[in-house]
Amino acid sequence: MNISNPIANWFDDLRGKREYRRYREKEQRKSRIVGQLLSLLNIICALYYLVWCLRHASWQYWYVFIPFLLTEVAFFLLYLLWINLLWYKRHHRPEGIEAKKPFTVDIFIPVCREPLEIVRETVTAACAIDYPHKTVHILDDGEDDGVKRLAEDLNIGYFRRPTHENSKAGNLNYAFKRTSGELILAIDADQVADPTFISSIVGYFELPRISLVQTAQRFKLPKGDPWGNSDEVFYRAMQSGKDHDNAAISCGNGAMYRRRALEEIGGFSEWNLVEDLHTSMNLHDRGWKSVYHDTPFTTGTAPAESLSQLKQRWQWAVDSLRIFFWDNPLFRQELSTQQKLQYLHFGYNYIAFGIFLPIFFLIPIWALLTHQFMLTASVLAYALARLPYALAYILTNKLMTDRTHKFKAFQAQASLFAAYFSAVFAALRARTTIPAYTVTPKVTFLGSFPDRLYRCLPHLIIILLSFFAMYRGLTTIHDDFWFLVINILWCSWTIVLLWRFVALSLFHRWIVKWH
């Protein structure tokens, strides 16, 4: 592969003249090329559409047109980052690389008041990993004597800090300074490991500049995965795209680190709520490499109700946005251009969905209630200008994510707009101090009905406004057929996007049973 000349490399791939050495690279060539060509077509459609909107701006309604145009531009920029992220992907053989050297491995299991039966299952599985040069340690930040007795019964390492600053990162660093294994494997308290875990990935560390190997994630999920917690797009497409650009990140669990690399950056990063993303960027900034091994070796839990779901995703968003605002990768001089763009995507994605997406929800409501339009062209002309962009976008997403990007994945992402909106302002206020970190519950806790209603109140308000606007339009607009139809379709799209989150929040048991 001619990595020094990406354009020539792409044309060689287009003609099938490239030397294919990587796993599945040749087999995926056709779908990759079709997806890339569709991406380029979509960029052309998007640019035509944006210019068309500018030419037909109704400046009389500038207070609607400007937010509308900014939103379209914001999502176009997000699309460019998205396509760059997925342009090439790197995959690895499930069996990994055979290790010739017997690396010593410390297994860290951070614990903080999780149910003892969950911790016992995780620790027992870690002890059963088929690798002779491992040492298992429980890192107990919950000061649970039951956990201490478990460690004593299994004759494994046990750490209990006298103080508990810096959350999980501080817990990891406390054990990091008191152990000596060449490699460190981090396993969350609710993640049950396969026996082949270490032997399948330890061989990557034969390569001297590999600092981190992250594995795929596997979760115990209810039928139909109503919350979209499998995160197929991230684990089956995004991380592989990041891996191609040496930007694969740690996800906290199922990650193996080289001790020497962590020592070089001062240990696990304590700058953010959780350690994974910022630690990864620090390692890449120092010239270390990472690998995403796209096979899962742990099985764990995921949020099963709205309160836990929002808490977890809000914390992830705050971490990414703090990096975006206060340690922006564009200003990390040692990162490559591709690494900068890969890390930039994290925070920018939350801004697009938290700040700009709600504007799309509100514009058709405004249009139906006022019978006004922010463009001078007809609504039908607008729809015809927008349609090629929309269709090419849907097809591109399907192909570039290896058909993992389904409507439910977008629906789940869009439904978190309120959490992301809140996270933007939390991150802006958190330049030097970070919000309090809380561990995501490992058991289902529905909370009271008022709590659940409060969490989905923004969604419910937008849905009710959309229904009211549709009713108002149908009863007052009698001479503008296409205006009525297209704005009703946009309102319907909003309702379809948001209804699942409201239903899951308010009627969790019924929805899960129905799935």
Protein backbone atom coordinates (compact mmCIF):
# COMPACT_ATOMS: atom_id res chain seq x y z
CA MET A 1 0.00 0.00 0.00
CA ASN A 2 1.35 3.39 -0.96
CA ILE A 3 0.47 5.19 2.29
CA SER A 4 2.65 8.17 1.35
CA ASN A 5 0.31 9.00 -1.53
CA PRO A 6 -3.30 8.34 -0.46
CA ILE A 7 -4.80 9.54 -3.76
CA ALA A 8 -2.63 7.19 -5.83
CA ASN A 9 -3.37 4.45 -3.30
CA TRP A 10 -7.11 4.99 -3.72
CA PHE A 11 -6.92 4.90 -7.53
CA ASP A 12 -4.92 1.66 -7.30
CA ASP A 13 -7.64 0.24 -5.08
CA LEU A 14 -10.30 1.48 -7.49
CA ARG A 15 -8.62 -0.39 -10.35
CA GLY A 16 -7.89 -3.45 -8.21
CA LYS A 17 -4.15 -2.96 -8.73
CA ARG A 18 -3.19 -2.55 -5.10
CA GLU A 19 -1.25 -5.17 -3.17
CA TYR A 20 -3.68 -6.47 -0.56
CA ARG A 21 -1.96 -7.79 2.54
CA ARG A 22 -4.35 -7.15 5.38
CA TYR A 23 -7.02 -9.52 6.63
CA ARG A 24 -10.32 -9.22 4.61
CA GLU A 25 -8.96 -6.22 2.71
CA LYS A 26 -9.32 -7.77 -0.73
CA GLU A 27 -12.63 -9.48 0.07
CA GLN A 28 -14.21 -6.17 1.09
CA ARG A 29 -12.89 -4.23 -1.89
CA LYS A 30 -16.13 -4.05 -3.92
CA SER A 31 -18.36 -2.87 -1.08
CA ARG A 32 -15.64 -0.46 0.05
CA ILE A 33 -15.28 1.09 -3.40
CA VAL A 34 -19.05 1.38 -3.92
CA GLY A 35 -19.41 3.04 -0.53
CA GLN A 36 -16.58 5.46 -1.26
CA LEU A 37 -17.98 6.41 -4.67
CA LEU A 38 -21.41 6.95 -3.13
CA SER A 39 -19.76 9.12 -0.48
CA LEU A 40 -18.23 11.34 -3.14
CA LEU A 41 -21.57 11.54 -4.95
CA ASN A 42 -23.23 12.48 -1.69
CA ILE A 43 -20.74 15.30 -1.13
CA ILE A 44 -21.64 16.69 -4.55
CA CYS A 45 -25.36 16.42 -3.75
CA ALA A 46 -24.81 18.12 -0.39
CA LEU A 47 -22.85 21.02 -1.86
CA TYR A 48 -25.47 21.55 -4.56
CA TYR A 49 -28.21 21.51 -1.92
CA LEU A 50 -26.43 24.00 0.37
CA VAL A 51 -25.78 26.41 -2.50
CA TRP A 52 -29.39 26.00 -3.62
CA CYS A 53 -30.60 26.91 -0.11
CA LEU A 54 -28.44 30.04 -0.08
CA ARG A 55 -29.79 31.12 -3.47
CA HIS A 56 -33.37 30.73 -2.26
CA ALA A 57 -33.01 32.19 1.22
CA SER A 58 -35.98 34.15 2.50
CA TRP A 59 -34.18 36.77 4.56
CA GLN A 60 -37.52 38.01 5.81
CA TYR A 61 -37.36 34.97 8.10
CA TRP A 62 -33.64 35.22 8.83
CA TYR A 63 -34.24 34.10 12.43
CA VAL A 64 -35.31 30.71 11.05
CA PHE A 65 -33.16 30.51 7.92
CA ILE A 66 -29.84 31.16 9.67
CA PRO A 67 -30.32 28.40 12.29
CA PHE A 68 -31.58 26.13 9.50
CA LEU A 69 -28.52 26.76 7.32
CA LEU A 70 -26.10 26.45 10.24
CA THR A 71 -27.68 23.12 11.10
CA GLU A 72 -27.36 21.84 7.53
CA VAL A 73 -23.72 22.96 7.40
CA ALA A 74 -23.00 21.46 10.83
CA PHE A 75 -24.31 18.05 9.77
CA PHE A 76 -22.47 18.27 6.45
CA LEU A 77 -19.21 18.82 8.34
CA LEU A 78 -20.11 15.91 10.61
CA TYR A 79 -20.70 13.81 7.50
CA LEU A 80 -17.22 14.69 6.18
CA LEU A 81 -15.64 13.62 9.48
CA TRP A 82 -17.79 10.48 9.45
CA ILE A 83 -16.77 9.45 5.96
CA ASN A 84 -13.12 10.18 6.68
CA LEU A 85 -13.43 7.94 9.76
CA LEU A 86 -14.86 5.04 7.74
CA TRP A 87 -12.95 5.48 4.46
CA TYR A 88 -10.65 2.54 5.17
CA LYS A 89 -10.96 -0.09 7.89
CA ARG A 90 -8.43 -2.53 9.27
CA HIS A 91 -9.44 -5.95 10.54
CA HIS A 92 -7.47 -8.64 12.36
CA ARG A 93 -7.68 -12.39 12.43
CA PRO A 94 -9.78 -13.60 15.39
CA GLU A 95 -6.94 -15.81 16.63
CA GLY A 96 -4.61 -12.80 16.83
CA ILE A 97 -0.81 -13.09 16.76
CA GLU A 98 1.09 -15.85 18.50
CA ALA A 99 3.30 -14.52 21.27
CA LYS A 100 6.88 -15.76 21.40
CA LYS A 101 7.73 -13.97 24.64
CA PRO A 102 6.03 -14.87 27.96
CA PHE A 103 4.78 -11.39 28.90
CA THR A 104 3.72 -10.96 32.50
CA VAL A 105 0.17 -9.58 32.79
CA ASP A 106 -1.55 -7.82 35.68
CA ILE A 107 -5.35 -8.07 35.43
CA PHE A 108 -7.02 -5.06 37.03
CA ILE A 109 -10.70 -5.39 38.02
CA PRO A 110 -11.92 -2.00 39.37
CA VAL A 111 -14.84 -2.44 41.76
CA CYS A 112 -17.06 0.20 43.34
CA ARG A 113 -20.05 -1.22 45.26
CA GLU A 114 -21.31 -3.50 42.47
CA PRO A 115 -23.38 -6.49 43.69
CA LEU A 116 -21.07 -9.15 45.10
CA GLU A 117 -22.51 -11.93 42.94
CA ILE A 118 -21.65 -9.93 39.79
CA VAL A 119 -18.11 -9.24 41.01
CA ARG A 120 -17.62 -12.91 41.96
CA GLU A 121 -18.56 -14.09 38.48
CA THR A 122 -16.18 -11.58 36.88
CA VAL A 123 -13.26 -12.38 39.18
CA THR A 124 -13.74 -16.14 38.90
CA ALA A 125 -13.69 -15.89 35.10
CA ALA A 126 -10.55 -13.72 35.22
CA CYS A 127 -8.82 -16.32 37.37
CA ALA A 128 -9.79 -18.98 34.82
CA ILE A 129 -8.15 -17.17 31.87
CA ASP A 130 -5.79 -19.69 30.32
CA TYR A 131 -2.48 -17.84 30.63
CA PRO A 132 0.19 -18.88 33.13
CA HIS A 133 1.92 -15.51 33.58
CA LYS A 134 -1.05 -13.53 34.91
CA THR A 135 -1.85 -12.01 38.28
CA VAL A 136 -5.41 -10.98 39.12
CA HIS A 137 -6.05 -7.91 41.28
CA ILE A 138 -9.31 -6.50 42.62
CA LEU A 139 -9.23 -2.71 42.91
CA ASP A 140 -11.89 -2.06 45.53
CA ASP A 141 -13.01 1.57 45.68
CA GLY A 142 -16.20 0.60 47.48
CA GLU A 143 -14.45 -0.63 50.65
CA ASP A 144 -16.54 -3.78 50.60
CA ASP A 145 -15.41 -6.41 53.10
CA GLY A 146 -17.27 -9.05 51.10
CA VAL A 147 -15.08 -8.26 48.10
CA LYS A 148 -11.99 -8.41 50.32
CA ARG A 149 -12.98 -11.87 51.57
CA LEU A 150 -13.54 -12.96 47.95
CA ALA A 151 -9.97 -11.92 47.09
CA GLU A 152 -8.65 -13.79 50.12
CA ASP A 153 -10.61 -16.92 49.25
CA LEU A 154 -9.24 -16.90 45.69
CA ASN A 155 -5.74 -15.91 46.85
CA ILE A 156 -5.52 -12.97 44.46
CA GLY A 157 -4.35 -9.36 44.78
CA TYR A 158 -6.53 -6.83 46.55
CA PHE A 159 -6.15 -3.03 46.74
CA ARG A 160 -8.21 -0.64 48.84
CA ARG A 161 -7.23 3.03 48.63
CA PRO A 162 -7.19 5.16 51.77
CA THR A 163 -8.72 8.00 49.71
CA HIS A 164 -10.84 7.86 46.58
CA GLU A 165 -9.95 10.86 44.45
CA ASN A 166 -10.05 10.83 40.63
CA SER A 167 -12.62 8.02 40.39
CA LYS A 168 -11.75 5.01 38.26
CA ALA A 169 -8.52 6.51 36.88
CA GLY A 170 -7.24 7.15 40.40
CA ASN A 171 -8.17 3.60 41.37
CA LEU A 172 -6.27 2.18 38.41
CA ASN A 173 -3.23 4.37 39.09
CA TYR A 174 -3.12 3.31 42.74
CA ALA A 175 -2.74 -0.32 41.65
CA PHE A 176 -0.52 0.62 38.70
CA LYS A 177 2.12 2.06 41.07
CA ARG A 178 2.05 -1.07 43.23
CA THR A 179 2.33 -3.77 40.57
CA SER A 180 5.00 -4.67 38.04
CA GLY A 181 3.55 -6.76 35.18
CA GLU A 182 4.76 -5.83 31.72
CA LEU A 183 1.17 -5.60 30.51
CA ILE A 184 -2.05 -4.53 32.21
CA LEU A 185 -5.46 -5.91 31.27
CA ALA A 186 -8.42 -3.84 32.48
CA ILE A 187 -11.72 -5.70 32.98
CA ASP A 188 -14.82 -3.98 34.36
CA ALA A 189 -16.56 -5.44 37.40
CA ASP A 190 -19.48 -6.79 35.36
CA GLN A 191 -17.52 -8.27 32.45
CA VAL A 192 -17.02 -12.04 32.31
CA ALA A 193 -13.88 -12.93 30.35
CA ASP A 194 -13.32 -15.82 27.97
CA PRO A 195 -10.45 -18.23 28.84
CA THR A 196 -8.63 -17.38 25.59
CA PHE A 197 -8.63 -13.63 26.20
CA ILE A 198 -4.96 -12.96 26.91
CA SER A 199 -3.48 -15.56 24.56
CA SER A 200 -5.50 -14.12 21.65
CA ILE A 201 -4.14 -10.57 21.92
CA VAL A 202 -0.85 -10.68 23.82
CA GLY A 203 1.11 -11.38 20.62
CA TYR A 204 0.51 -7.83 19.38
CA PHE A 205 2.93 -6.61 22.03
CA GLU A 206 5.76 -8.35 20.20
CA LEU A 207 5.64 -5.18 18.11
CA PRO A 208 7.67 -2.72 20.20
CA ARG A 209 5.56 0.44 19.72
CA ILE A 210 2.16 -1.11 20.46
CA SER A 211 0.91 0.52 23.65
CA LEU A 212 -2.73 -0.55 23.66
CA VAL A 213 -4.91 -3.35 22.32
CA GLN A 214 -8.65 -2.83 22.61
CA THR A 215 -11.04 -5.70 21.98
CA ALA A 216 -14.65 -5.63 20.83
CA GLN A 217 -17.45 -5.63 23.40
CA ARG A 218 -20.26 -8.13 23.91
CA PHE A 219 -23.26 -7.51 26.14
CA LYS A 220 -26.14 -9.45 27.63
CA LEU A 221 -29.11 -7.66 26.09
CA PRO A 222 -32.89 -8.11 26.10
CA LYS A 223 -34.51 -9.42 22.95
CA GLY A 224 -34.42 -6.79 20.21
CA ASP A 225 -31.86 -4.67 22.10
CA PRO A 226 -34.44 -1.87 22.60
CA TRP A 227 -31.87 0.68 23.83
CA GLY A 228 -29.37 -0.01 21.04
CA ASN A 229 -26.68 -0.92 23.57
CA SER A 230 -24.90 -3.36 21.27
CA ASP A 231 -23.28 -0.31 19.62
CA GLU A 232 -22.66 -2.32 16.46
CA VAL A 233 -21.68 0.74 14.45
CA PHE A 234 -18.95 1.65 16.91
CA TYR A 235 -17.56 -1.83 17.52
CA ARG A 236 -17.94 -3.24 14.01
CA ALA A 237 -17.16 -0.20 11.88
CA MET A 238 -15.91 2.92 13.68
CA GLN A 239 -13.14 1.31 15.72
CA SER A 240 -11.90 -0.55 12.64
CA GLY A 241 -11.77 2.75 10.78
CA LYS A 242 -9.85 4.30 13.65
CA ASP A 243 -7.51 1.31 13.70
CA HIS A 244 -6.55 1.98 10.09
CA ASP A 245 -5.40 5.47 11.08
CA ASN A 246 -3.65 4.35 14.28
CA ALA A 247 -6.38 6.03 16.31
CA ALA A 248 -8.20 3.06 17.88
CA ILE A 249 -9.11 4.01 21.43
CA SER A 250 -9.41 2.26 24.74
CA CYS A 251 -12.99 1.66 25.88
CA GLY A 252 -11.99 1.08 29.50
CA ASN A 253 -12.98 -2.58 29.54
CA GLY A 254 -11.24 -5.30 27.55
CA ALA A 255 -8.19 -3.12 26.99
CA MET A 256 -4.60 -4.30 27.42
CA TYR A 257 -1.84 -1.72 27.95
CA ARG A 258 1.94 -1.83 27.88
CA ARG A 259 3.21 -0.65 31.26
CA ARG A 260 6.18 1.18 29.78
CA ALA A 261 3.88 3.24 27.54
CA LEU A 262 1.66 4.19 30.49
CA GLU A 263 4.73 5.13 32.53
CA GLU A 264 5.80 7.46 29.74
CA ILE A 265 2.54 9.44 29.96
CA GLY A 266 2.34 9.39 33.77
CA GLY A 267 -0.19 6.55 34.08
CA PHE A 268 -3.90 6.51 33.33
CA SER A 269 -5.22 9.99 32.62
CA GLU A 270 -7.04 11.53 35.61
CA TRP A 271 -8.02 14.65 33.67
CA ASN A 272 -11.46 13.43 32.60
CA LEU A 273 -14.44 11.68 34.19
CA VAL A 274 -13.16 8.31 32.95
CA GLU A 275 -9.70 7.42 31.83
CA ASP A 276 -10.07 5.67 28.49
CA LEU A 277 -10.39 8.33 25.76
CA HIS A 278 -7.88 10.84 27.15
CA THR A 279 -5.35 8.11 27.99
CA SER A 280 -5.61 6.88 24.39
CA MET A 281 -5.00 10.36 22.99
CA ASN A 282 -2.02 10.89 25.31
CA LEU A 283 -0.48 7.61 24.12
CA HIS A 284 -0.96 8.49 20.45
CA ASP A 285 0.42 11.97 21.07
CA ARG A 286 3.64 10.40 22.34
CA GLY A 287 4.02 8.34 19.18
CA TRP A 288 2.68 5.04 20.53
CA LYS A 289 0.44 2.81 18.43
CA SER A 290 -2.82 1.04 19.18
CA VAL A 291 -4.69 -1.96 17.80
CA TYR A 292 -8.39 -2.69 17.69
CA HIS A 293 -8.90 -6.44 17.76
CA ASP A 294 -12.46 -6.76 16.47
CA THR A 295 -13.36 -9.94 18.37
CA PRO A 296 -15.06 -9.83 21.79
CA PHE A 297 -13.59 -11.73 24.75
CA THR A 298 -15.83 -10.44 27.53
CA THR A 299 -19.58 -10.53 28.13
CA GLY A 300 -21.09 -7.85 30.32
CA THR A 301 -24.12 -5.82 31.20
CA ALA A 302 -25.40 -2.59 29.64
CA PRO A 303 -27.89 0.04 30.84
CA ALA A 304 -31.39 -1.42 30.78
CA GLU A 305 -33.48 1.67 31.55
CA SER A 306 -33.55 5.38 30.80
CA LEU A 307 -31.90 6.73 33.96
CA SER A 308 -28.78 4.56 33.61
CA GLN A 309 -28.71 5.02 29.84
CA LEU A 310 -28.76 8.80 30.09
CA LYS A 311 -26.21 8.87 32.91
CA GLN A 312 -23.74 6.70 31.00
CA ARG A 313 -24.10 8.52 27.66
CA TRP A 314 -24.01 11.94 29.35
CA GLN A 315 -20.68 11.07 31.01
CA TRP A 316 -19.24 9.84 27.72
CA ALA A 317 -20.39 13.04 26.03
CA VAL A 318 -18.91 15.27 28.74
CA ASP A 319 -15.54 13.54 28.43
CA SER A 320 -15.45 13.91 24.64
CA LEU A 321 -16.63 17.52 24.81
CA ARG A 322 -14.10 18.48 27.48
CA ILE A 323 -11.40 17.25 25.11
CA PHE A 324 -13.02 19.17 22.24
CA PHE A 325 -13.19 22.44 24.19
CA TRP A 326 -10.16 22.29 26.47
CA ASP A 327 -7.63 19.87 24.96
CA ASN A 328 -8.58 19.93 21.30
CA PRO A 329 -6.73 17.32 19.24
CA LEU A 330 -6.15 19.87 16.45
CA PHE A 331 -3.60 21.54 18.73
CA ARG A 332 -1.78 18.32 19.59
CA GLN A 333 1.21 18.75 17.30
CA GLU A 334 2.46 15.17 17.54
CA LEU A 335 -0.80 13.65 16.35
CA SER A 336 -1.07 12.92 12.64
CA THR A 337 -3.71 14.74 10.61
CA GLN A 338 -5.84 11.61 10.50
CA GLN A 339 -5.53 11.08 14.24
CA LYS A 340 -6.59 14.68 14.86
CA LEU A 341 -9.68 14.23 12.71
CA GLN A 342 -10.51 10.90 14.34
CA TYR A 343 -10.41 12.40 17.82
CA LEU A 344 -12.17 15.59 16.69
CA HIS A 345 -15.16 13.53 15.56
CA PHE A 346 -15.98 12.44 19.13
CA GLY A 347 -16.77 15.85 20.55
CA TYR A 348 -18.14 17.35 17.36
CA ASN A 349 -20.65 14.52 17.02
CA TYR A 350 -22.16 15.41 20.39
CA ILE A 351 -22.37 19.09 19.45
CA ALA A 352 -24.17 18.25 16.20
CA PHE A 353 -26.73 15.99 17.87
CA GLY A 354 -27.11 18.05 21.04
CA ILE A 355 -27.21 21.60 19.70
CA PHE A 356 -28.20 21.40 16.04
CA LEU A 357 -30.48 18.36 15.70
CA PRO A 358 -33.32 19.92 17.76
CA ILE A 359 -33.48 22.73 15.19
CA PHE A 360 -34.59 20.17 12.61
CA PHE A 361 -37.36 19.13 15.01
CA LEU A 362 -38.63 22.68 15.52
CA ILE A 363 -38.62 24.12 11.98
CA PRO A 364 -41.58 22.09 10.58
CA ILE A 365 -43.55 22.93 13.74
CA TRP A 366 -42.90 26.63 13.13
CA ALA A 367 -43.82 26.25 9.45
CA LEU A 368 -47.16 24.55 10.11
CA LEU A 369 -48.14 26.97 12.89
CA THR A 370 -47.29 30.11 10.86
CA HIS A 371 -47.78 28.85 7.29
CA GLN A 372 -44.43 30.46 6.45
CA PHE A 373 -41.31 29.05 4.82
CA MET A 374 -37.66 30.11 5.26
CA LEU A 375 -37.00 29.70 1.51
CA THR A 376 -38.40 31.63 -1.43
CA ALA A 377 -38.75 28.49 -3.53
CA SER A 378 -41.70 26.17 -3.14
CA VAL A 379 -41.60 23.41 -0.57
CA LEU A 380 -41.80 20.87 -3.39
CA ALA A 381 -38.71 22.39 -5.02
CA TYR A 382 -36.96 22.18 -1.64
CA ALA A 383 -37.89 18.51 -1.31
CA LEU A 384 -36.55 17.73 -4.78
CA ALA A 385 -33.28 19.52 -3.98
CA ARG A 386 -32.96 17.67 -0.64
CA LEU A 387 -33.97 14.20 -1.82
CA PRO A 388 -30.77 13.14 -3.68
CA TYR A 389 -28.66 14.22 -0.68
CA ALA A 390 -30.89 12.26 1.71
CA LEU A 391 -30.97 9.08 -0.39
CA ALA A 392 -27.24 9.08 -1.06
CA TYR A 393 -26.61 9.65 2.65
CA ILE A 394 -28.74 6.64 3.64
CA LEU A 395 -27.06 4.35 1.10
CA THR A 396 -23.59 5.60 2.01
CA ASN A 397 -24.16 5.01 5.71
CA LYS A 398 -25.37 1.50 5.04
CA LEU A 399 -22.35 0.54 2.94
CA MET A 400 -19.62 2.41 4.82
CA THR A 401 -20.66 0.86 8.14
CA ASP A 402 -20.81 -2.65 6.67
CA ARG A 403 -24.60 -2.56 6.95
CA THR A 404 -24.55 -2.06 10.73
CA HIS A 405 -26.05 1.44 10.65
CA LYS A 406 -29.74 0.67 10.91
CA PHE A 407 -32.54 3.14 11.56
CA LYS A 408 -32.74 2.09 15.21
CA ALA A 409 -29.10 3.08 15.71
CA PHE A 410 -29.84 6.59 14.43
CA GLN A 411 -33.06 6.66 16.45
CA ALA A 412 -31.15 5.81 19.64
CA GLN A 413 -28.54 8.49 18.92
CA ALA A 414 -31.11 11.15 18.08
CA SER A 415 -33.12 10.39 21.22
CA LEU A 416 -30.14 11.38 23.37
CA PHE A 417 -30.17 14.97 22.10
CA ALA A 418 -31.23 16.39 25.50
CA ALA A 419 -28.41 14.57 27.32
CA TYR A 420 -25.92 15.81 24.74
CA PHE A 421 -27.30 19.36 24.97
CA SER A 422 -26.76 19.30 28.72
CA ALA A 423 -23.30 17.76 28.29
CA VAL A 424 -22.17 20.62 26.02
CA PHE A 425 -22.75 23.20 28.74
CA ALA A 426 -21.43 20.93 31.50
CA ALA A 427 -18.18 20.55 29.53
CA LEU A 428 -17.94 24.29 28.87
CA ARG A 429 -18.14 24.91 32.62
CA ALA A 430 -15.60 22.20 33.42
CA ARG A 431 -12.29 23.54 32.16
CA THR A 432 -10.40 22.96 35.41
CA THR A 433 -12.85 20.92 37.47
CA ILE A 434 -14.88 17.97 36.28
CA PRO A 435 -18.43 16.96 37.23
CA ALA A 436 -18.92 14.23 39.80
CA TYR A 437 -18.52 10.73 38.38
CA THR A 438 -20.99 7.98 39.23
CA VAL A 439 -20.68 4.31 38.34
CA THR A 440 -23.35 3.09 35.91
CA PRO A 441 -25.69 0.72 37.83
CA LYS A 442 -25.17 -2.95 36.99
CA VAL A 443 -28.75 -3.90 37.85
CA THR A 444 -31.99 -2.49 36.47
CA PHE A 445 -33.32 0.44 38.47
CA LEU A 446 -36.37 2.01 36.87
CA GLY A 447 -36.73 4.92 39.27
CA SER A 448 -39.99 6.65 40.06
CA PHE A 449 -42.45 7.59 37.34
CA PRO A 450 -41.85 11.35 37.88
CA ASP A 451 -38.09 10.79 37.45
CA ARG A 452 -38.63 8.90 34.21
CA LEU A 453 -41.13 11.48 32.99
CA TYR A 454 -38.64 14.26 33.69
CA ARG A 455 -35.93 12.46 31.65
CA CYS A 456 -38.13 12.23 28.57
CA LEU A 457 -39.94 15.56 29.02
CA PRO A 458 -38.08 17.36 26.17
CA HIS A 459 -38.96 14.50 23.83
CA LEU A 460 -42.57 14.48 24.95
CA ILE A 461 -42.93 18.25 24.49
CA ILE A 462 -41.52 18.09 20.94
CA ILE A 463 -43.78 15.15 20.06
CA LEU A 464 -46.89 16.93 21.39
CA LEU A 465 -45.94 20.15 19.58
CA SER A 466 -45.47 18.15 16.39
CA PHE A 467 -48.93 16.59 16.73
CA PHE A 468 -50.47 19.97 17.48
CA ALA A 469 -48.71 21.58 14.49
CA MET A 470 -49.95 18.79 12.21
CA TYR A 471 -53.52 19.27 13.49
CA ARG A 472 -53.22 23.04 13.10
CA GLY A 473 -51.89 22.69 9.57
CA LEU A 474 -54.61 20.27 8.51
CA THR A 475 -57.35 22.55 9.84
CA THR A 476 -56.01 25.90 8.61
CA ILE A 477 -53.96 25.26 5.45
CA HIS A 478 -56.27 24.38 2.56
CA ASP A 479 -54.58 25.86 -0.51
CA ASP A 480 -50.94 24.74 -0.20
CA PHE A 481 -50.89 20.97 -0.68
CA TRP A 482 -47.15 20.31 -0.92
CA PHE A 483 -46.33 22.70 1.92
CA LEU A 484 -48.75 20.79 4.11
CA VAL A 485 -47.66 17.31 3.04
CA ILE A 486 -43.91 17.84 3.36
CA ASN A 487 -44.05 19.59 6.71
CA ILE A 488 -46.37 16.90 8.04
CA LEU A 489 -43.85 14.32 6.85
CA TRP A 490 -41.06 16.18 8.69
CA CYS A 491 -43.15 16.29 11.88
CA SER A 492 -43.93 12.60 11.48
CA TRP A 493 -40.19 11.90 11.11
CA THR A 494 -39.60 13.70 14.41
CA ILE A 495 -42.28 11.65 16.15
CA VAL A 496 -40.94 8.38 14.75
CA LEU A 497 -37.43 9.29 15.95
CA LEU A 498 -38.41 10.20 19.49
CA TRP A 499 -41.35 7.96 20.38
CA ARG A 500 -39.20 4.93 21.27
CA PHE A 501 -37.28 6.81 23.96
CA VAL A 502 -40.49 8.11 25.52
CA ALA A 503 -42.13 4.69 25.43
CA LEU A 504 -39.07 2.95 26.88
CA SER A 505 -38.76 5.55 29.61
CA LEU A 506 -42.39 5.49 30.71
CA PHE A 507 -43.42 1.93 29.87
CA HIS A 508 -40.14 0.02 30.13
CA ARG A 509 -41.48 -3.36 31.19
CA TRP A 510 -44.20 -3.44 28.54
CA ILE A 511 -41.85 -2.41 25.70
CA VAL A 512 -39.14 -4.91 26.65
CA LYS A 513 -41.73 -7.69 26.90
CA TRP A 514 -43.19 -6.68 23.52
CA HIS A 515 -39.75 -6.88 21.91
